[in-house]
Amino acid sequence: MLTHTPTTVAHITGELGKVIVGQDAVIEQILVAVLAEGHALLEGVPGTAKTLTVKMLARIVGANFSRIQFTPDLMPSDITGTNVFNVQSSQFALRQGPIFTDILLADEINRTPPKTQAALLEAMEERQTTIDGERYGLSPIFTVLATENPIEYEGTYPLPEAQLDRFLLKILIDYPQAEAELEIVSRWDAGFNARQLEQVEIAPLTEEMSIQNCRAEVKAMRMEAGVQKYIVEIVRKSRTHPTILYGASPRASVALLLCSKALAAIRGRDFPTPDDVRDIAPPVLRHRLALRAEAELDGATTDAVISDILKTVEVPR
């Protein structure tokens, strides 16, 4: 029985709608990542409200927010923090980095070298970080929402497979429809300014509508054995598809389970269905598959392969 999630989701989407227009599917997928206790990689061209969406989400849920602008000269200590010697106390004290927050926006994460990208691995997997051999716990709702630009390759560093696999979802952000874009223009003409968000009246979540309460409801959900088998068959099919170099791991099966539950809760149901699995499969799997070189030359895409897999796996009744 869902008590908190439908009200919380309706509140968040309603408040986001005061600022974000035409990205309903993207917002739904971001909420899936948050409620499933995961992280999301947002890929889209500049100007599609990636940063704005994350900033507004943090404000609505009442979470601490930090932003890291990834650059080639960024060091791991710029993310995690470092111990600084205090002359007065003659002791070292931790100067916390931006990773000590609730929601972390990793902006243009592919613009920094793998060494610095790896500073996020432990934090994303275990919600802790190690500095000079000492472990520090992070916020229980610590969530990384990273962005990358799909059209610029000069000066970028492709994310390693291990880093990509830490992201629960890879969300593609496309241009808004014509009607939504007209609404954006109309709002700016009426005085809206994305650089002056403090002027937008936003109602934060109440304590009862907290993210932690929603996560607890998602955890308590159970999935029928037939739908579980459907998930496993989809993932295993990715390992034998002729255009795939290597398929998704068992971690992808678990991710598909968790995200299907979260999506069902967002849609107001206390049980996930095959439709939930099918709808969330592309963002769960697209960054976990590698195409064969000849398939890429022929114009194949991971999304097209996932669509083909979904067509060949029998849907449980």
Protein backbone atom coordinates (compact mmCIF):
# COMPACT_ATOMS: atom_id res chain seq x y z
CA MET A 1 0.00 0.00 0.00
CA LEU A 2 1.50 3.32 -1.09
CA THR A 3 0.95 6.05 1.46
CA HIS A 4 3.56 8.72 0.73
CA THR A 5 4.93 8.19 -2.79
CA PRO A 6 1.96 9.33 -4.98
CA THR A 7 1.57 12.56 -2.98
CA THR A 8 5.31 13.23 -2.95
CA VAL A 9 5.73 12.59 -6.68
CA ALA A 10 2.74 14.77 -7.54
CA HIS A 11 4.16 17.58 -5.40
CA ILE A 12 7.64 17.35 -6.94
CA THR A 13 6.40 17.24 -10.53
CA GLY A 14 3.97 20.08 -9.88
CA GLU A 15 6.66 22.32 -8.42
CA LEU A 16 9.15 21.41 -11.17
CA GLY A 17 6.46 22.32 -13.70
CA LYS A 18 6.73 25.94 -12.55
CA VAL A 19 10.20 26.04 -14.10
CA ILE A 20 10.72 23.00 -16.37
CA VAL A 21 8.58 22.58 -19.49
CA GLY A 22 8.29 19.61 -21.87
CA GLN A 23 10.57 17.14 -20.09
CA ASP A 24 8.03 14.93 -18.29
CA ALA A 25 9.71 11.64 -19.26
CA VAL A 26 13.10 12.94 -18.12
CA ILE A 27 11.70 14.05 -14.75
CA GLU A 28 10.03 10.67 -14.29
CA GLN A 29 13.32 8.85 -14.95
CA ILE A 30 15.28 11.12 -12.60
CA LEU A 31 12.73 10.38 -9.87
CA VAL A 32 13.14 6.67 -10.59
CA ALA A 33 16.88 7.01 -9.92
CA VAL A 34 16.29 8.94 -6.69
CA LEU A 35 13.63 6.57 -5.30
CA ALA A 36 15.67 3.49 -6.29
CA GLU A 37 18.67 4.93 -4.39
CA GLY A 38 20.75 5.20 -7.55
CA HIS A 39 22.56 7.74 -9.68
CA ALA A 40 21.79 9.01 -13.16
CA LEU A 41 23.81 10.20 -16.15
CA LEU A 42 21.99 12.91 -18.14
CA GLU A 43 23.03 13.25 -21.77
CA GLY A 44 21.75 16.08 -23.90
CA VAL A 45 22.83 19.08 -25.96
CA PRO A 46 23.40 22.39 -24.15
CA GLY A 47 20.30 24.38 -23.31
CA THR A 48 17.92 21.50 -22.59
CA ALA A 49 17.56 22.33 -18.85
CA LYS A 50 19.75 19.55 -17.44
CA THR A 51 21.40 21.73 -14.78
CA LEU A 52 18.22 23.67 -14.08
CA THR A 53 16.24 20.48 -13.44
CA VAL A 54 18.76 19.15 -10.91
CA LYS A 55 19.02 22.48 -9.06
CA MET A 56 15.24 22.78 -8.79
CA LEU A 57 14.85 19.16 -7.66
CA ALA A 58 17.30 19.72 -4.80
CA ARG A 59 15.43 22.85 -3.75
CA ILE A 60 12.04 21.12 -3.79
CA VAL A 61 13.10 18.08 -1.76
CA GLY A 62 14.95 20.31 0.71
CA ALA A 63 18.30 18.66 0.02
CA ASN A 64 21.79 20.12 0.28
CA PHE A 65 23.11 20.78 -3.21
CA SER A 66 26.64 20.94 -4.60
CA ARG A 67 27.91 21.38 -8.11
CA ILE A 68 31.24 20.36 -9.58
CA GLN A 69 32.22 21.80 -12.96
CA PHE A 70 34.49 19.08 -14.32
CA THR A 71 37.58 20.35 -16.17
CA PRO A 72 40.79 18.66 -17.41
CA ASP A 73 42.85 20.04 -14.50
CA LEU A 74 40.44 18.93 -11.75
CA MET A 75 42.10 16.76 -9.08
CA PRO A 76 40.49 13.97 -6.98
CA SER A 77 41.01 16.06 -3.82
CA ASP A 78 38.93 18.83 -5.41
CA ILE A 79 36.01 16.41 -5.21
CA THR A 80 36.55 14.55 -1.96
CA GLY A 81 38.34 17.17 0.09
CA THR A 82 41.70 17.14 1.83
CA ASN A 83 43.28 17.30 5.28
CA VAL A 84 44.66 20.73 6.12
CA PHE A 85 47.10 21.44 8.96
CA ASN A 86 45.71 23.75 11.62
CA VAL A 87 48.54 25.77 13.13
CA GLN A 88 46.59 26.73 16.25
CA SER A 89 45.65 23.17 17.20
CA SER A 90 48.74 21.56 15.65
CA GLN A 91 46.45 18.97 14.07
CA PHE A 92 45.17 18.11 10.64
CA ALA A 93 41.49 18.88 9.98
CA LEU A 94 39.38 17.72 7.09
CA ARG A 95 38.31 20.37 4.63
CA GLN A 96 35.30 18.67 3.07
CA GLY A 97 34.91 18.68 -0.68
CA PRO A 98 31.65 19.13 -2.60
CA ILE A 99 31.00 15.39 -2.40
CA PHE A 100 29.72 15.89 1.17
CA THR A 101 26.20 16.81 0.14
CA ASP A 102 22.79 15.29 -0.62
CA ILE A 103 22.46 15.91 -4.36
CA LEU A 104 25.65 16.37 -6.36
CA LEU A 105 25.55 17.79 -9.87
CA ALA A 106 28.61 16.50 -11.74
CA ASP A 107 28.52 18.90 -14.68
CA GLU A 108 30.20 17.70 -17.90
CA ILE A 109 31.72 14.73 -16.11
CA ASN A 110 33.45 13.52 -19.29
CA ARG A 111 35.70 16.61 -19.39
CA THR A 112 37.99 15.36 -16.62
CA PRO A 113 40.56 12.52 -16.81
CA PRO A 114 39.70 8.99 -15.59
CA LYS A 115 41.84 9.45 -12.45
CA THR A 116 39.55 12.23 -11.26
CA GLN A 117 36.39 10.50 -12.46
CA ALA A 118 37.41 7.51 -10.33
CA ALA A 119 37.18 9.68 -7.19
CA LEU A 120 33.42 9.23 -7.47
CA LEU A 121 33.45 5.42 -7.72
CA GLU A 122 33.58 4.60 -4.01
CA ALA A 123 31.11 7.35 -3.16
CA MET A 124 28.57 6.21 -5.74
CA GLU A 125 28.78 2.54 -4.80
CA GLU A 126 29.14 2.66 -1.02
CA ARG A 127 28.10 6.22 -0.07
CA GLN A 128 31.43 6.78 1.61
CA THR A 129 34.78 8.20 0.64
CA THR A 130 38.34 7.51 1.79
CA ILE A 131 40.70 10.42 2.44
CA ASP A 132 44.26 9.73 3.57
CA GLY A 133 43.29 6.21 4.60
CA GLU A 134 40.30 7.26 6.73
CA ARG A 135 36.72 6.54 5.69
CA TYR A 136 33.98 9.14 5.89
CA GLY A 137 30.29 8.39 5.48
CA LEU A 138 28.16 10.45 3.11
CA SER A 139 24.55 11.54 3.28
CA PRO A 140 22.01 8.65 3.24
CA ILE A 141 20.30 10.31 0.27
CA PHE A 142 23.58 11.07 -1.53
CA THR A 143 22.74 11.10 -5.24
CA VAL A 144 24.99 11.91 -8.19
CA LEU A 145 23.26 13.42 -11.21
CA ALA A 146 25.95 13.83 -13.86
CA THR A 147 25.68 15.56 -17.23
CA GLU A 148 27.55 15.13 -20.47
CA ASN A 149 27.36 16.71 -23.90
CA PRO A 150 26.91 14.13 -26.70
CA ILE A 151 28.12 16.34 -29.55
CA GLU A 152 31.56 17.47 -28.34
CA TYR A 153 34.42 14.98 -28.37
CA GLU A 154 37.48 17.26 -28.39
CA GLY A 155 38.88 17.59 -24.87
CA THR A 156 36.66 14.89 -23.42
CA TYR A 157 37.47 11.56 -21.78
CA PRO A 158 35.03 8.67 -22.33
CA LEU A 159 33.74 7.31 -19.04
CA PRO A 160 35.30 3.92 -18.17
CA GLU A 161 32.93 0.94 -18.15
CA ALA A 162 33.27 0.62 -14.36
CA GLN A 163 32.20 4.25 -13.94
CA LEU A 164 29.28 3.92 -16.35
CA ASP A 165 28.05 0.81 -14.55
CA ARG A 166 27.75 2.80 -11.31
CA PHE A 167 25.00 4.88 -12.91
CA LEU A 168 21.61 3.27 -12.44
CA LEU A 169 20.22 5.09 -15.48
CA LYS A 170 21.49 6.89 -18.54
CA ILE A 171 18.82 9.43 -19.44
CA LEU A 172 18.72 11.00 -22.90
CA ILE A 173 17.36 14.55 -23.00
CA ASP A 174 15.98 15.59 -26.37
CA TYR A 175 14.68 18.90 -27.67
CA PRO A 176 11.18 19.80 -26.39
CA GLN A 177 8.15 19.58 -28.66
CA ALA A 178 7.04 22.73 -30.51
CA GLU A 179 4.21 23.47 -28.06
CA ALA A 180 6.55 23.13 -25.06
CA GLU A 181 9.20 25.33 -26.66
CA LEU A 182 6.56 27.99 -27.36
CA GLU A 183 5.57 27.82 -23.68
CA ILE A 184 9.23 28.35 -22.70
CA VAL A 185 9.46 31.44 -24.90
CA SER A 186 6.15 32.77 -23.54
CA ARG A 187 7.32 32.38 -19.94
CA TRP A 188 10.55 34.26 -20.61
CA ASP A 189 8.57 36.98 -22.37
CA ALA A 190 6.34 37.24 -19.29
CA GLY A 191 9.36 37.84 -17.03
CA PHE A 192 10.69 34.41 -16.06
CA ASN A 193 14.48 34.26 -15.71
CA ALA A 194 16.31 30.99 -15.02
CA ARG A 195 19.18 33.01 -13.48
CA GLN A 196 16.83 34.40 -10.82
CA LEU A 197 15.26 31.23 -9.44
CA GLU A 198 14.93 32.75 -5.98
CA GLN A 199 12.02 34.75 -7.39
CA VAL A 200 10.08 31.53 -8.15
CA GLU A 201 7.88 30.48 -5.24
CA ILE A 202 8.65 26.83 -4.56
CA ALA A 203 6.98 24.80 -1.81
CA PRO A 204 9.47 22.26 -0.38
CA LEU A 205 8.45 18.77 0.68
CA THR A 206 7.01 18.33 4.13
CA GLU A 207 8.61 15.87 6.55
CA GLU A 208 5.85 13.35 5.85
CA MET A 209 6.55 13.52 2.10
CA SER A 210 10.28 12.89 2.52
CA ILE A 211 12.34 10.97 -0.01
CA GLN A 212 13.27 8.47 2.70
CA ASN A 213 9.60 7.56 3.26
CA CYS A 214 9.12 7.00 -0.46
CA ARG A 215 12.25 4.86 -0.68
CA ALA A 216 10.96 2.70 2.16
CA GLU A 217 7.71 2.09 0.27
CA VAL A 218 9.61 1.15 -2.90
CA LYS A 219 11.79 -1.29 -0.92
CA ALA A 220 8.71 -2.93 0.56
CA MET A 221 7.22 -3.67 -2.87
CA ARG A 222 7.43 -7.20 -4.23
CA MET A 223 7.59 -8.42 -7.81
CA GLU A 224 5.85 -11.52 -9.14
CA ALA A 225 8.09 -14.42 -10.15
CA GLY A 226 6.95 -14.17 -13.78
CA VAL A 227 8.07 -10.53 -14.02
CA GLN A 228 11.38 -11.40 -12.35
CA LYS A 229 11.96 -14.06 -14.99
CA TYR A 230 11.05 -11.52 -17.69
CA ILE A 231 13.82 -9.22 -16.40
CA VAL A 232 16.42 -12.00 -16.37
CA GLU A 233 15.52 -13.12 -19.89
CA ILE A 234 15.88 -9.56 -21.23
CA VAL A 235 19.33 -9.13 -19.66
CA ARG A 236 20.56 -12.58 -20.72
CA LYS A 237 19.35 -11.93 -24.26
CA SER A 238 21.66 -8.91 -24.38
CA ARG A 239 24.64 -11.25 -23.99
CA THR A 240 23.81 -13.33 -27.06
CA HIS A 241 22.53 -10.68 -29.48
CA PRO A 242 24.60 -10.79 -32.69
CA THR A 243 25.39 -7.04 -32.72
CA ILE A 244 26.55 -6.91 -29.08
CA LEU A 245 30.23 -7.26 -28.15
CA TYR A 246 29.41 -7.76 -24.47
CA GLY A 247 26.07 -7.63 -22.75
CA ALA A 248 24.71 -6.51 -19.42
CA SER A 249 25.87 -8.05 -16.13
CA PRO A 250 23.73 -9.34 -13.23
CA ARG A 251 24.01 -5.83 -11.79
CA ALA A 252 21.82 -4.73 -14.71
CA SER A 253 19.20 -7.32 -13.74
CA VAL A 254 19.10 -5.92 -10.21
CA ALA A 255 18.97 -2.36 -11.57
CA LEU A 256 16.03 -3.29 -13.81
CA LEU A 257 14.25 -4.79 -10.80
CA LEU A 258 14.78 -1.72 -8.60
CA CYS A 259 13.88 0.76 -11.32
CA SER A 260 10.72 -1.14 -12.29
CA LYS A 261 9.56 -0.98 -8.67
CA ALA A 262 10.31 2.74 -8.44
CA LEU A 263 8.53 3.43 -11.72
CA ALA A 264 5.46 1.50 -10.58
CA ALA A 265 5.38 3.52 -7.34
CA ILE A 266 5.71 6.79 -9.25
CA ARG A 267 2.76 5.71 -11.38
CA GLY A 268 0.71 4.99 -8.26
CA ARG A 269 0.88 1.18 -8.11
CA ASP A 270 2.30 -1.00 -5.35
CA PHE A 271 3.35 -3.74 -7.77
CA PRO A 272 5.54 -3.59 -10.91
CA THR A 273 4.27 -4.96 -14.23
CA PRO A 274 5.97 -6.02 -17.48
CA ASP A 275 5.03 -2.59 -18.86
CA ASP A 276 7.15 -0.94 -16.18
CA VAL A 277 10.06 -3.22 -17.05
CA ARG A 278 9.72 -2.50 -20.76
CA ASP A 279 9.44 1.28 -20.27
CA ILE A 280 12.48 1.60 -18.02
CA ALA A 281 14.70 -0.94 -19.84
CA PRO A 282 16.31 1.53 -22.32
CA PRO A 283 17.74 3.96 -19.71
CA VAL A 284 18.82 1.03 -17.51
CA LEU A 285 20.61 -0.90 -20.27
CA ARG A 286 21.81 1.58 -22.92
CA HIS A 287 25.09 2.41 -21.15
CA ARG A 288 25.77 -1.21 -20.17
CA LEU A 289 25.98 -2.64 -23.69
CA ALA A 290 28.86 -2.45 -26.15
CA LEU A 291 28.19 -2.81 -29.87
CA ARG A 292 30.49 -4.66 -32.22
CA ALA A 293 32.55 -2.32 -34.42
CA GLU A 294 30.93 -3.57 -37.62
CA ALA A 295 27.46 -2.97 -36.15
CA GLU A 296 28.36 0.62 -35.27
CA LEU A 297 29.64 1.17 -38.81
CA ASP A 298 26.29 -0.09 -40.08
CA GLY A 299 24.54 2.56 -37.98
CA ALA A 300 23.26 0.32 -35.17
CA THR A 301 22.51 1.89 -31.78
CA THR A 302 22.13 0.37 -28.33
CA ASP A 303 18.57 1.69 -28.11
CA ALA A 304 17.67 -0.08 -31.36
CA VAL A 305 19.19 -3.32 -30.03
CA ILE A 306 17.26 -3.00 -26.75
CA SER A 307 14.06 -2.46 -28.73
CA ASP A 308 14.81 -5.60 -30.76
CA ILE A 309 15.46 -7.61 -27.59
CA LEU A 310 12.19 -6.46 -26.03
CA LYS A 311 10.34 -7.63 -29.14
CA THR A 312 11.83 -11.12 -28.96
CA VAL A 313 11.35 -11.82 -25.23
CA GLU A 314 7.93 -13.23 -24.41
CA VAL A 315 5.91 -10.97 -22.12
CA PRO A 316 4.48 -12.81 -19.08
CA ARG A 317 0.72 -12.77 -18.63
